[in-house]
Amino acid sequence: MNPKALPDTALTTAKSHSSRLFRPKRTPLPRDDARRQGNISSLAFLTMGGRDPALAFLNEENPALGGRPLALATASAEGYARVADAIRAWSPGPAAAE
């Protein structure tokens, strides 16, 4: 189809639609933050018995820790140590033993 034969509104609509396919540029995590995030995720996956319990723990607010464990562990070495200690102290509940 010849684009010159289309009305201007059709070209504008097509152009605006195609621009939604691209995500805006995001700033990558600093190297230390990314390393802590990966390490805490691995520790949780291995210690807590797999992906689902680890993701639930890491992504839900934890009043004892004062926030989301993944965000706390990523933000600082101190936060990482607190979350890592909580993961190591974790024990499965009665439902996990079944």
Protein backbone atom coordinates (compact mmCIF):
# COMPACT_ATOMS: atom_id res chain seq x y z
CA MET A 1 0.00 0.00 0.00
CA ASN A 2 1.25 3.45 -0.86
CA PRO A 3 1.69 5.59 2.29
CA LYS A 4 1.04 8.75 0.29
CA ALA A 5 -2.46 7.47 -0.50
CA LEU A 6 -3.36 7.17 3.20
CA PRO A 7 -4.89 10.11 5.05
CA ASP A 8 -2.65 11.88 7.56
CA THR A 9 -4.63 10.48 10.50
CA ALA A 10 -3.91 6.90 9.42
CA LEU A 11 -0.18 7.59 9.35
CA THR A 12 -0.30 9.27 12.75
CA THR A 13 -2.27 6.40 14.26
CA ALA A 14 0.11 3.81 12.87
CA LYS A 15 3.12 5.76 14.07
CA SER A 16 1.80 6.25 17.61
CA HIS A 17 0.88 2.58 17.83
CA SER A 18 4.36 1.44 16.82
CA SER A 19 6.03 3.73 19.36
CA ARG A 20 4.27 1.82 22.17
CA LEU A 21 6.29 -1.28 21.27
CA PHE A 22 9.48 0.22 22.64
CA ARG A 23 10.10 0.70 26.33
CA PRO A 24 11.66 3.89 27.57
CA LYS A 25 15.32 3.63 28.51
CA ARG A 26 15.88 2.63 32.10
CA THR A 27 18.91 3.18 34.22
CA PRO A 28 20.53 -0.17 35.00
CA LEU A 29 21.16 -1.16 38.60
CA PRO A 30 24.60 -0.25 39.89
CA ARG A 31 26.91 -3.25 39.84
CA ASP A 32 26.97 -3.74 43.64
CA ASP A 33 23.17 -3.54 43.86
CA ALA A 34 22.76 -6.07 41.05
CA ARG A 35 25.25 -8.43 42.70
CA ARG A 36 23.43 -8.24 46.05
CA GLN A 37 20.07 -8.79 44.32
CA GLY A 38 21.34 -11.88 42.51
CA ASN A 39 23.05 -13.29 45.59
CA ILE A 40 20.03 -12.84 47.87
CA SER A 41 17.75 -14.40 45.26
CA SER A 42 20.03 -17.43 44.92
CA LEU A 43 20.30 -17.82 48.69
CA ALA A 44 16.52 -17.66 49.06
CA PHE A 45 15.87 -20.13 46.21
CA LEU A 46 18.33 -22.67 47.63
CA THR A 47 17.39 -22.25 51.30
CA MET A 48 13.63 -21.90 51.07
CA GLY A 49 12.93 -24.90 48.87
CA GLY A 50 12.48 -23.38 45.45
CA ARG A 51 11.18 -20.51 43.42
CA ASP A 52 7.66 -19.97 44.79
CA PRO A 53 8.44 -19.73 48.52
CA ALA A 54 11.54 -17.65 47.80
CA LEU A 55 9.68 -15.17 45.58
CA ALA A 56 6.85 -14.90 48.10
CA PHE A 57 9.33 -14.09 50.87
CA LEU A 58 11.43 -11.68 48.82
CA ASN A 59 8.55 -9.69 47.34
CA GLU A 60 6.10 -9.37 50.25
CA GLU A 61 6.34 -6.69 52.92
CA ASN A 62 8.06 -8.05 56.01
CA PRO A 63 7.28 -6.07 59.18
CA ALA A 64 10.15 -7.68 61.09
CA LEU A 65 12.65 -6.46 58.49
CA GLY A 66 10.89 -3.15 57.87
CA GLY A 67 10.11 -3.53 54.16
CA ARG A 68 10.32 -5.81 51.15
CA PRO A 69 13.31 -8.13 51.66
CA LEU A 70 14.45 -7.91 48.03
CA ALA A 71 14.50 -4.11 48.11
CA LEU A 72 16.29 -4.04 51.47
CA ALA A 73 18.94 -6.54 50.38
CA THR A 74 19.52 -4.73 47.09
CA ALA A 75 19.84 -1.27 48.65
CA SER A 76 22.80 -1.83 50.99
CA ALA A 77 25.27 -4.33 52.39
CA GLU A 78 23.67 -3.88 55.82
CA GLY A 79 20.22 -4.66 54.40
CA TYR A 80 21.65 -7.67 52.59
CA ALA A 81 23.09 -9.03 55.84
CA ARG A 82 19.76 -8.60 57.68
CA VAL A 83 17.78 -10.34 54.93
CA ALA A 84 20.38 -13.12 54.57
CA ASP A 85 20.18 -13.77 58.32
CA ALA A 86 16.37 -13.94 58.09
CA ILE A 87 16.59 -16.43 55.20
CA ARG A 88 19.08 -18.61 57.05
CA ALA A 89 16.82 -18.58 60.14
CA TRP A 90 13.77 -19.49 58.04
CA SER A 91 12.16 -22.84 58.63
CA PRO A 92 9.29 -24.25 56.59
CA GLY A 93 5.85 -24.18 58.13
CA PRO A 94 3.70 -27.29 58.62
CA ALA A 95 2.20 -26.96 55.11
CA ALA A 96 5.66 -27.15 53.53
CA ALA A 97 6.45 -30.43 55.27
CA GLU A 98 3.59 -32.25 53.55
